[in-house]
Each structure stands twice: as C-alpha cells, then as structure tokens.
C-alpha cells in the first residue's frame, strides 16, 4: 500500500477525517514557514543562528506544528518570520 492509498483509507474513517481537518491551520502554517525558509535559501541552522538558538530547536519548532505536542508562542513565530525576512500576520476569519 502506498502513501496515497493509506491516506485515502484512513480518511474514509469519519473520526480520522475530522481530526485531520482540525489540523489544517497547523499544516498551512508549516507549509508557509517551510516555503519562506526555502525562498530565503536558508537552512534550519541558518534560521537558528538568526534566532539565537540551535538547529535542533528549529527542527522541533517545525515538527511541533504537525505533532500537536507543542504550540509555539507568537514571540517564537515572530522571531522565525523575522529570520526569514518576513513578518508575521495573524487573522481571524469568519
């Protein structure tokens, strides 16, 4: 079974589908962060240097958005955004 088939099978379960949908904001933020880092041509180590931390902290930050184990603070997200020459914008949408 390949990844696509496994995902389709898992998402056929309503409770799995609901949980997956609830993670959409985190997945979107992670995609934005990774895209910004890639567009800036920076590695996790580069970001860590700019944020005054170590590369494993950036790995944990990026992976925390998909694991649900930890929600990064707004201050941390702002530092990350600045490290990739962006600004953090947060919106509440109806």
PDB file of N, CA and C in Angstrom:
ATOM      1  N   UNK A   1       0.845  -1.171   0.000  1.00  0.00           N
ATOM      2  CA  UNK A   1       0.000   0.000   0.000  1.00  0.00           C
ATOM      3  C   UNK A   1       0.896   1.241   0.000  1.00  0.00           C
ATOM      4  N   UNK A   2       0.645   2.151  -0.925  1.00  0.00           N
ATOM      5  CA  UNK A   2       1.447   3.366  -0.974  1.00  0.00           C
ATOM      6  C   UNK A   2       0.823   4.441  -0.076  1.00  0.00           C
ATOM      7  N   UNK A   3       1.508   5.575   0.036  1.00  0.00           N
ATOM      8  CA  UNK A   3       1.065   6.651   0.925  1.00  0.00           C
ATOM      9  C   UNK A   3      -0.328   7.158   0.559  1.00  0.00           C
ATOM     10  N   UNK A   4      -0.569   7.372  -0.718  1.00  0.00           N
ATOM     11  CA  UNK A   4      -1.861   7.888  -1.170  1.00  0.00           C
ATOM     12  C   UNK A   4      -2.993   6.937  -0.784  1.00  0.00           C
ATOM     13  N   UNK A   5      -2.771   5.654  -0.993  1.00  0.00           N
ATOM     14  CA  UNK A   5      -3.792   4.660  -0.651  1.00  0.00           C
ATOM     15  C   UNK A   5      -4.029   4.613   0.860  1.00  0.00           C
ATOM     16  N   UNK A   6      -2.950   4.667   1.623  1.00  0.00           N
ATOM     17  CA  UNK A   6      -3.069   4.648   3.079  1.00  0.00           C
ATOM     18  C   UNK A   6      -3.843   5.869   3.566  1.00  0.00           C
ATOM     19  N   UNK A   7      -3.528   7.038   3.001  1.00  0.00           N
ATOM     20  CA  UNK A   7      -4.227   8.267   3.387  1.00  0.00           C
ATOM     21  C   UNK A   7      -5.717   8.159   3.051  1.00  0.00           C
ATOM     22  N   UNK A   8      -6.035   7.700   1.859  1.00  0.00           N
ATOM     23  CA  UNK A   8      -7.437   7.544   1.459  1.00  0.00           C
ATOM     24  C   UNK A   8      -8.176   6.594   2.393  1.00  0.00           C
ATOM     25  N   UNK A   9      -7.526   5.493   2.746  1.00  0.00           N
ATOM     26  CA  UNK A   9      -8.145   4.518   3.642  1.00  0.00           C
ATOM     27  C   UNK A   9      -8.379   5.133   5.022  1.00  0.00           C
ATOM     28  N   UNK A  10      -7.378   5.822   5.538  1.00  0.00           N
ATOM     29  CA  UNK A  10      -7.504   6.447   6.851  1.00  0.00           C
ATOM     30  C   UNK A  10      -8.602   7.505   6.857  1.00  0.00           C
ATOM     31  N   UNK A  11      -8.648   8.318   5.802  1.00  0.00           N
ATOM     32  CA  UNK A  11      -9.632   9.398   5.742  1.00  0.00           C
ATOM     33  C   UNK A  11     -11.049   8.909   5.461  1.00  0.00           C
ATOM     34  N   UNK A  12     -11.200   7.639   5.132  1.00  0.00           N
ATOM     35  CA  UNK A  12     -12.548   7.089   4.971  1.00  0.00           C
ATOM     36  C   UNK A  12     -13.229   6.911   6.332  1.00  0.00           C
ATOM     37  N   UNK A  13     -12.444   6.940   7.405  1.00  0.00           N
ATOM     38  CA  UNK A  13     -12.957   6.876   8.767  1.00  0.00           C
ATOM     39  C   UNK A  13     -13.317   8.303   9.201  1.00  0.00           C
ATOM     40  N   UNK A  14     -14.570   8.525   9.575  1.00  0.00           N
ATOM     41  CA  UNK A  14     -15.039   9.876   9.879  1.00  0.00           C
ATOM     42  C   UNK A  14     -14.265  10.541  11.004  1.00  0.00           C
ATOM     43  N   UNK A  15     -13.956   9.822  12.054  1.00  0.00           N
ATOM     44  CA  UNK A  15     -13.235  10.437  13.176  1.00  0.00           C
ATOM     45  C   UNK A  15     -11.813  10.826  12.771  1.00  0.00           C
ATOM     46  N   UNK A  16     -11.174  10.020  11.941  1.00  0.00           N
ATOM     47  CA  UNK A  16      -9.840  10.350  11.437  1.00  0.00           C
ATOM     48  C   UNK A  16      -9.935  11.574  10.533  1.00  0.00           C
ATOM     49  N   UNK A  17     -10.952  11.602   9.674  1.00  0.00           N
ATOM     50  CA  UNK A  17     -11.143  12.725   8.751  1.00  0.00           C
ATOM     51  C   UNK A  17     -11.362  14.033   9.531  1.00  0.00           C
ATOM     52  N   UNK A  18     -12.145  13.978  10.602  1.00  0.00           N
ATOM     53  CA  UNK A  18     -12.389  15.170  11.420  1.00  0.00           C
ATOM     54  C   UNK A  18     -11.114  15.650  12.101  1.00  0.00           C
ATOM     55  N   UNK A  19     -10.346  14.723  12.650  1.00  0.00           N
ATOM     56  CA  UNK A  19      -9.092  15.091  13.310  1.00  0.00           C
ATOM     57  C   UNK A  19      -8.108  15.673  12.303  1.00  0.00           C
ATOM     58  N   UNK A  20      -8.020  15.067  11.138  1.00  0.00           N
ATOM     59  CA  UNK A  20      -7.140  15.560  10.074  1.00  0.00           C
ATOM     60  C   UNK A  20      -7.540  16.983   9.689  1.00  0.00           C
ATOM     61  N   UNK A  21      -8.829  17.221   9.538  1.00  0.00           N
ATOM     62  CA  UNK A  21      -9.314  18.556   9.166  1.00  0.00           C
ATOM     63  C   UNK A  21      -9.009  19.573  10.257  1.00  0.00           C
ATOM     64  N   UNK A  22      -9.041  19.155  11.508  1.00  0.00           N
ATOM     65  CA  UNK A  22      -8.773  20.084  12.612  1.00  0.00           C
ATOM     66  C   UNK A  22      -7.322  20.550  12.628  1.00  0.00           C
ATOM     67  N   UNK A  23      -6.440  19.810  11.976  1.00  0.00           N
ATOM     68  CA  UNK A  23      -5.016  20.172  11.926  1.00  0.00           C
ATOM     69  C   UNK A  23      -4.673  21.077  10.752  1.00  0.00           C
ATOM     70  N   UNK A  24      -5.650  21.421   9.934  1.00  0.00           N
ATOM     71  CA  UNK A  24      -5.377  22.222   8.745  1.00  0.00           C
ATOM     72  C   UNK A  24      -4.641  23.532   9.041  1.00  0.00           C
ATOM     73  N   UNK A  25      -5.020  24.298  10.076  1.00  0.00           N
ATOM     74  CA  UNK A  25      -4.279  25.541  10.338  1.00  0.00           C
ATOM     75  C   UNK A  25      -2.791  25.303  10.611  1.00  0.00           C
ATOM     76  N   UNK A  26      -2.488  24.251  11.364  1.00  0.00           N
ATOM     77  CA  UNK A  26      -1.087  23.945  11.654  1.00  0.00           C
ATOM     78  C   UNK A  26      -0.330  23.546  10.388  1.00  0.00           C
ATOM     79  N   UNK A  27      -0.976  22.706   9.561  1.00  0.00           N
ATOM     80  CA  UNK A  27      -0.324  22.297   8.314  1.00  0.00           C
ATOM     81  C   UNK A  27      -0.097  23.497   7.399  1.00  0.00           C
ATOM     82  N   UNK A  28      -1.073  24.396   7.334  1.00  0.00           N
ATOM     83  CA  UNK A  28      -0.922  25.587   6.494  1.00  0.00           C
ATOM     84  C   UNK A  28       0.218  26.457   6.990  1.00  0.00           C
ATOM     85  N   UNK A  29       0.299  26.658   8.306  1.00  0.00           N
ATOM     86  CA  UNK A  29       1.384  27.462   8.862  1.00  0.00           C
ATOM     87  C   UNK A  29       2.730  26.807   8.582  1.00  0.00           C
ATOM     88  N   UNK A  30       2.819  25.502   8.763  1.00  0.00           N
ATOM     89  CA  UNK A  30       4.077  24.811   8.493  1.00  0.00           C
ATOM     90  C   UNK A  30       4.473  24.970   7.028  1.00  0.00           C
ATOM     91  N   UNK A  31       3.526  24.809   6.106  1.00  0.00           N
ATOM     92  CA  UNK A  31       3.842  24.993   4.679  1.00  0.00           C
ATOM     93  C   UNK A  31       4.365  26.400   4.418  1.00  0.00           C
ATOM     94  N   UNK A  32       3.737  27.395   5.035  1.00  0.00           N
ATOM     95  CA  UNK A  32       4.179  28.781   4.868  1.00  0.00           C
ATOM     96  C   UNK A  32       5.592  28.985   5.416  1.00  0.00           C
ATOM     97  N   UNK A  33       5.859  28.416   6.578  1.00  0.00           N
ATOM     98  CA  UNK A  33       7.184  28.555   7.179  1.00  0.00           C
ATOM     99  C   UNK A  33       8.254  27.891   6.317  1.00  0.00           C
ATOM    100  N   UNK A  34       7.973  26.687   5.859  1.00  0.00           N
ATOM    101  CA  UNK A  34       8.956  25.969   5.036  1.00  0.00           C
ATOM    102  C   UNK A  34       9.171  26.670   3.708  1.00  0.00           C
ATOM    103  N   UNK A  35       8.091  27.193   3.122  1.00  0.00           N
ATOM    104  CA  UNK A  35       8.211  27.927   1.866  1.00  0.00           C
ATOM    105  C   UNK A  35       9.052  29.201   2.059  1.00  0.00           C
ATOM    106  N   UNK A  36       8.813  29.913   3.154  1.00  0.00           N
ATOM    107  CA  UNK A  36       9.571  31.140   3.431  1.00  0.00           C
ATOM    108  C   UNK A  36      11.050  30.820   3.637  1.00  0.00           C
ATOM    109  N   UNK A  37      11.331  29.738   4.370  1.00  0.00           N
ATOM    110  CA  UNK A  37      12.731  29.350   4.598  1.00  0.00           C
ATOM    111  C   UNK A  37      13.398  28.960   3.282  1.00  0.00           C
ATOM    112  N   UNK A  38      12.676  28.209   2.448  1.00  0.00           N
ATOM    113  CA  UNK A  38      13.217  27.797   1.154  1.00  0.00           C
ATOM    114  C   UNK A  38      13.419  29.013   0.251  1.00  0.00           C
ATOM    115  N   UNK A  39      12.438  29.906   0.199  1.00  0.00           N
ATOM    116  CA  UNK A  39      12.559  31.106  -0.634  1.00  0.00           C
ATOM    117  C   UNK A  39      13.728  31.978  -0.201  1.00  0.00           C
ATOM    118  N   UNK A  40      14.004  31.979   1.112  1.00  0.00           N
ATOM    119  CA  UNK A  40      15.131  32.757   1.627  1.00  0.00           C
ATOM    120  C   UNK A  40      16.457  32.031   1.413  1.00  0.00           C
ATOM    121  N   UNK A  41      16.394  30.770   0.979  1.00  0.00           N
ATOM    122  CA  UNK A  41      17.608  29.990   0.746  1.00  0.00           C
ATOM    123  C   UNK A  41      18.347  29.660   2.033  1.00  0.00           C
ATOM    124  N   UNK A  42      17.599  29.457   3.113  1.00  0.00           N
ATOM    125  CA  UNK A  42      18.208  29.230   4.416  1.00  0.00           C
ATOM    126  C   UNK A  42      17.973  27.811   4.915  1.00  0.00           C
ATOM    127  N   UNK A  43      18.940  27.311   5.658  1.00  0.00           N
ATOM    128  CA  UNK A  43      18.804  26.006   6.308  1.00  0.00           C
ATOM    129  C   UNK A  43      18.254  26.222   7.717  1.00  0.00           C
ATOM    130  N   UNK A  44      17.915  25.130   8.368  1.00  0.00           N
ATOM    131  CA  UNK A  44      17.481  25.237   9.764  1.00  0.00           C
ATOM    132  C   UNK A  44      18.591  25.832  10.622  1.00  0.00           C
ATOM    133  N   UNK A  45      19.830  25.479  10.332  1.00  0.00           N
ATOM    134  CA  UNK A  45      20.963  26.032  11.087  1.00  0.00           C
ATOM    135  C   UNK A  45      21.065  27.541  10.873  1.00  0.00           C
ATOM    136  N   UNK A  46      20.823  27.992   9.641  1.00  0.00           N
ATOM    137  CA  UNK A  46      20.856  29.433   9.365  1.00  0.00           C
ATOM    138  C   UNK A  46      19.786  30.161  10.171  1.00  0.00           C
ATOM    139  N   UNK A  47      18.580  29.580  10.188  1.00  0.00           N
ATOM    140  CA  UNK A  47      17.476  30.174  10.943  1.00  0.00           C
ATOM    141  C   UNK A  47      17.832  30.212  12.428  1.00  0.00           C
ATOM    142  N   UNK A  48      18.393  29.127  12.920  1.00  0.00           N
ATOM    143  CA  UNK A  48      18.780  29.060  14.326  1.00  0.00           C
ATOM    144  C   UNK A  48      19.777  30.165  14.670  1.00  0.00           C
ATOM    145  N   UNK A  49      20.775  30.363  13.812  1.00  0.00           N
ATOM    146  CA  UNK A  49      21.754  31.426  14.046  1.00  0.00           C
ATOM    147  C   UNK A  49      21.066  32.782  14.121  1.00  0.00           C
ATOM    148  N   UNK A  50      20.163  33.026  13.208  1.00  0.00           N
ATOM    149  CA  UNK A  50      19.464  34.312  13.172  1.00  0.00           C
ATOM    150  C   UNK A  50      18.547  34.505  14.378  1.00  0.00           C
ATOM    151  N   UNK A  51      18.040  33.401  14.925  1.00  0.00           N
ATOM    152  CA  UNK A  51      17.148  33.480  16.083  1.00  0.00           C
ATOM    153  C   UNK A  51      17.892  33.379  17.406  1.00  0.00           C
ATOM    154  N   UNK A  52      19.196  33.120  17.338  1.00  0.00           N
ATOM    155  CA  UNK A  52      19.981  32.990  18.560  1.00  0.00           C
ATOM    156  C   UNK A  52      19.733  31.693  19.303  1.00  0.00           C
ATOM    157  N   UNK A  53      19.507  30.631  18.533  1.00  0.00           N
ATOM    158  CA  UNK A  53      19.268  29.322  19.141  1.00  0.00           C
ATOM    159  C   UNK A  53      20.056  28.274  18.368  1.00  0.00           C
ATOM    160  N   UNK A  54      19.748  27.002  18.573  1.00  0.00           N
ATOM    161  CA  UNK A  54      20.455  25.914  17.888  1.00  0.00           C
ATOM    162  C   UNK A  54      19.523  25.230  16.898  1.00  0.00           C
ATOM    163  N   UNK A  55      20.115  24.596  15.895  1.00  0.00           N
ATOM    164  CA  UNK A  55      19.343  23.959  14.827  1.00  0.00           C
ATOM    165  C   UNK A  55      18.300  22.961  15.337  1.00  0.00           C
ATOM    166  N   UNK A  56      18.604  22.131  16.353  1.00  0.00           N
ATOM    167  CA  UNK A  56      17.573  21.202  16.827  1.00  0.00           C
ATOM    168  C   UNK A  56      16.301  21.919  17.321  1.00  0.00           C
ATOM    169  N   UNK A  57      16.453  23.137  17.821  1.00  0.00           N
ATOM    170  CA  UNK A  57      15.279  23.897  18.265  1.00  0.00           C
ATOM    171  C   UNK A  57      14.386  24.249  17.078  1.00  0.00           C
ATOM    172  N   UNK A  58      14.992  24.517  15.934  1.00  0.00           N
ATOM    173  CA  UNK A  58      14.216  24.833  14.728  1.00  0.00           C
ATOM    174  C   UNK A  58      13.543  23.567  14.203  1.00  0.00           C
ATOM    175  N   UNK A  59      14.242  22.458  14.274  1.00  0.00           N
ATOM    176  CA  UNK A  59      13.644  21.179  13.888  1.00  0.00           C
ATOM    177  C   UNK A  59      12.421  20.902  14.756  1.00  0.00           C
ATOM    178  N   UNK A  60      12.564  21.098  16.070  1.00  0.00           N
ATOM    179  CA  UNK A  60      11.434  20.882  16.978  1.00  0.00           C
ATOM    180  C   UNK A  60      10.300  21.855  16.675  1.00  0.00           C
ATOM    181  N   UNK A  61      10.635  23.101  16.401  1.00  0.00           N
ATOM    182  CA  UNK A  61       9.615  24.105  16.086  1.00  0.00           C
ATOM    183  C   UNK A  61       8.825  23.696  14.856  1.00  0.00           C
ATOM    184  N   UNK A  62       9.530  23.350  13.790  1.00  0.00           N
ATOM    185  CA  UNK A  62       8.851  22.975  12.549  1.00  0.00           C
ATOM    186  C   UNK A  62       8.052  21.686  12.717  1.00  0.00           C
ATOM    187  N   UNK A  63       8.590  20.723  13.447  1.00  0.00           N
ATOM    188  CA  UNK A  63       7.872  19.462  13.615  1.00  0.00           C
ATOM    189  C   UNK A  63       6.729  19.580  14.618  1.00  0.00           C
ATOM    190  N   UNK A  64       6.802  20.541  15.524  1.00  0.00           N
ATOM    191  CA  UNK A  64       5.741  20.692  16.525  1.00  0.00           C
ATOM    192  C   UNK A  64       4.410  21.032  15.876  1.00  0.00           C
ATOM    193  N   UNK A  65       4.447  21.644  14.721  1.00  0.00           N
ATOM    194  CA  UNK A  65       3.212  22.035  14.048  1.00  0.00           C
ATOM    195  C   UNK A  65       2.456  20.844  13.482  1.00  0.00           C
ATOM    196  N   UNK A  66       3.128  19.735  13.293  1.00  0.00           N
ATOM    197  CA  UNK A  66       2.437  18.544  12.791  1.00  0.00           C
ATOM    198  C   UNK A  66       2.232  17.491  13.869  1.00  0.00           C
ATOM    199  N   UNK A  67       2.959  17.623  14.969  1.00  0.00           N
ATOM    200  CA  UNK A  67       2.847  16.606  16.023  1.00  0.00           C
ATOM    201  C   UNK A  67       1.742  16.929  17.014  1.00  0.00           C
ATOM    202  N   UNK A  68       1.414  18.209  17.152  1.00  0.00           N
ATOM    203  CA  UNK A  68       0.415  18.612  18.126  1.00  0.00           C
ATOM    204  C   UNK A  68       0.897  18.549  19.562  1.00  0.00           C
ATOM    205  N   UNK A  69       2.172  18.272  19.756  1.00  0.00           N
ATOM    206  CA  UNK A  69       2.700  18.150  21.111  1.00  0.00           C
ATOM    207  C   UNK A  69       2.989  19.502  21.746  1.00  0.00           C
ATOM    208  N   UNK A  70       3.223  20.510  20.939  1.00  0.00           N
ATOM    209  CA  UNK A  70       3.592  21.813  21.472  1.00  0.00           C
ATOM    210  C   UNK A  70       3.141  22.884  20.491  1.00  0.00           C
ATOM    211  N   UNK A  71       2.574  23.934  21.019  1.00  0.00           N
ATOM    212  CA  UNK A  71       2.198  25.069  20.187  1.00  0.00           C
ATOM    213  C   UNK A  71       3.212  26.175  20.413  1.00  0.00           C
ATOM    214  N   UNK A  72       3.913  26.584  19.363  1.00  0.00           N
ATOM    215  CA  UNK A  72       4.907  27.643  19.534  1.00  0.00           C
ATOM    216  C   UNK A  72       4.236  28.958  19.924  1.00  0.00           C
ATOM    217  N   UNK A  73       4.949  29.761  20.677  1.00  0.00           N
ATOM    218  CA  UNK A  73       4.412  31.055  21.090  1.00  0.00           C
ATOM    219  C   UNK A  73       4.420  32.020  19.904  1.00  0.00           C
ATOM    220  N   UNK A  74       3.625  33.066  20.024  1.00  0.00           N
ATOM    221  CA  UNK A  74       3.634  34.102  18.992  1.00  0.00           C
ATOM    222  C   UNK A  74       5.003  34.761  18.889  1.00  0.00           C
ATOM    223  N   UNK A  75       5.670  34.927  20.020  1.00  0.00           N
ATOM    224  CA  UNK A  75       7.003  35.525  20.013  1.00  0.00           C
ATOM    225  C   UNK A  75       7.976  34.667  19.199  1.00  0.00           C
ATOM    226  N   UNK A  76       7.889  33.354  19.360  1.00  0.00           N
ATOM    227  CA  UNK A  76       8.766  32.449  18.608  1.00  0.00           C
ATOM    228  C   UNK A  76       8.446  32.506  17.123  1.00  0.00           C
ATOM    229  N   UNK A  77       7.159  32.498  16.793  1.00  0.00           N
ATOM    230  CA  UNK A  77       6.775  32.582  15.382  1.00  0.00           C
ATOM    231  C   UNK A  77       7.219  33.905  14.767  1.00  0.00           C
ATOM    232  N   UNK A  78       7.142  34.978  15.552  1.00  0.00           N
ATOM    233  CA  UNK A  78       7.589  36.286  15.057  1.00  0.00           C
ATOM    234  C   UNK A  78       9.105  36.270  14.796  1.00  0.00           C
ATOM    235  N   UNK A  79       9.867  35.684  15.709  1.00  0.00           N
ATOM    236  CA  UNK A  79      11.322  35.583  15.510  1.00  0.00           C
ATOM    237  C   UNK A  79      11.639  34.765  14.261  1.00  0.00           C
ATOM    238  N   UNK A  80      10.915  33.677  14.066  1.00  0.00           N
ATOM    239  CA  UNK A  80      11.127  32.843  12.880  1.00  0.00           C
ATOM    240  C   UNK A  80      10.843  33.666  11.625  1.00  0.00           C
ATOM    241  N   UNK A  81       9.712  34.378  11.624  1.00  0.00           N
ATOM    242  CA  UNK A  81       9.353  35.202  10.469  1.00  0.00           C
ATOM    243  C   UNK A  81      10.441  36.227  10.173  1.00  0.00           C
ATOM    244  N   UNK A  82      10.928  36.880  11.197  1.00  0.00           N
ATOM    245  CA  UNK A  82      11.995  37.874  11.006  1.00  0.00           C
ATOM    246  C   UNK A  82      13.266  37.208  10.478  1.00  0.00           C
ATOM    247  N   UNK A  83      13.547  35.996  10.928  1.00  0.00           N
ATOM    248  CA  UNK A  83      14.755  35.281  10.491  1.00  0.00           C
ATOM    249  C   UNK A  83      14.708  34.948   9.008  1.00  0.00           C
ATOM    250  N   UNK A  84      13.503  34.805   8.454  1.00  0.00           N
ATOM    251  CA  UNK A  84      13.371  34.517   7.021  1.00  0.00           C
ATOM    252  C   UNK A  84      12.962  35.772   6.241  1.00  0.00           C
ATOM    253  N   UNK A  85      13.201  36.936   6.862  1.00  0.00           N
ATOM    254  CA  UNK A  85      12.914  38.239   6.239  1.00  0.00           C
ATOM    255  C   UNK A  85      11.441  38.401   5.864  1.00  0.00           C
ATOM    256  N   UNK A  86      10.568  37.968   6.764  1.00  0.00           N
ATOM    257  CA  UNK A  86       9.124  38.118   6.592  1.00  0.00           C
ATOM    258  C   UNK A  86       8.570  38.785   7.845  1.00  0.00           C
ATOM    259  N   UNK A  87       7.288  39.052   7.829  1.00  0.00           N
ATOM    260  CA  UNK A  87       6.605  39.491   9.045  1.00  0.00           C
ATOM    261  C   UNK A  87       5.456  38.540   9.305  1.00  0.00           C
ATOM    262  N   UNK A  88       5.110  38.421  10.576  1.00  0.00           N
ATOM    263  CA  UNK A  88       4.039  37.525  10.979  1.00  0.00           C
ATOM    264  C   UNK A  88       2.722  38.273  10.901  1.00  0.00           C
ATOM    265  N   UNK A  89       1.752  37.660  10.233  1.00  0.00           N
ATOM    266  CA  UNK A  89       0.424  38.245  10.123  1.00  0.00           C
ATOM    267  C   UNK A  89      -0.576  37.214  10.605  1.00  0.00           C
ATOM    268  N   UNK A  90      -1.411  37.600  11.558  1.00  0.00           N
ATOM    269  CA  UNK A  90      -2.401  36.688  12.111  1.00  0.00           C
ATOM    270  C   UNK A  90      -3.770  37.280  11.864  1.00  0.00           C
ATOM    271  N   UNK A  91      -4.693  36.442  11.409  1.00  0.00           N
ATOM    272  CA  UNK A  91      -6.027  36.920  11.100  1.00  0.00           C
ATOM    273  C   UNK A  91      -7.071  36.003  11.725  1.00  0.00           C
ATOM    274  N   UNK A  92      -8.180  36.597  12.100  1.00  0.00           N
ATOM    275  CA  UNK A  92      -9.359  35.837  12.482  1.00  0.00           C
ATOM    276  C   UNK A  92     -10.320  35.976  11.303  1.00  0.00           C
ATOM    277  N   UNK A  93     -10.788  34.853  10.785  1.00  0.00           N
ATOM    278  CA  UNK A  93     -11.597  34.855   9.582  1.00  0.00           C
ATOM    279  C   UNK A  93     -12.936  34.179   9.874  1.00  0.00           C
ATOM    280  N   UNK A  94     -14.016  34.789   9.405  1.00  0.00           N
ATOM    281  CA  UNK A  94     -15.365  34.180   9.523  1.00  0.00           C
ATOM    282  C   UNK A  94     -15.612  33.274   8.365  1.00  0.00           C
TER     283      UNK A  94
END
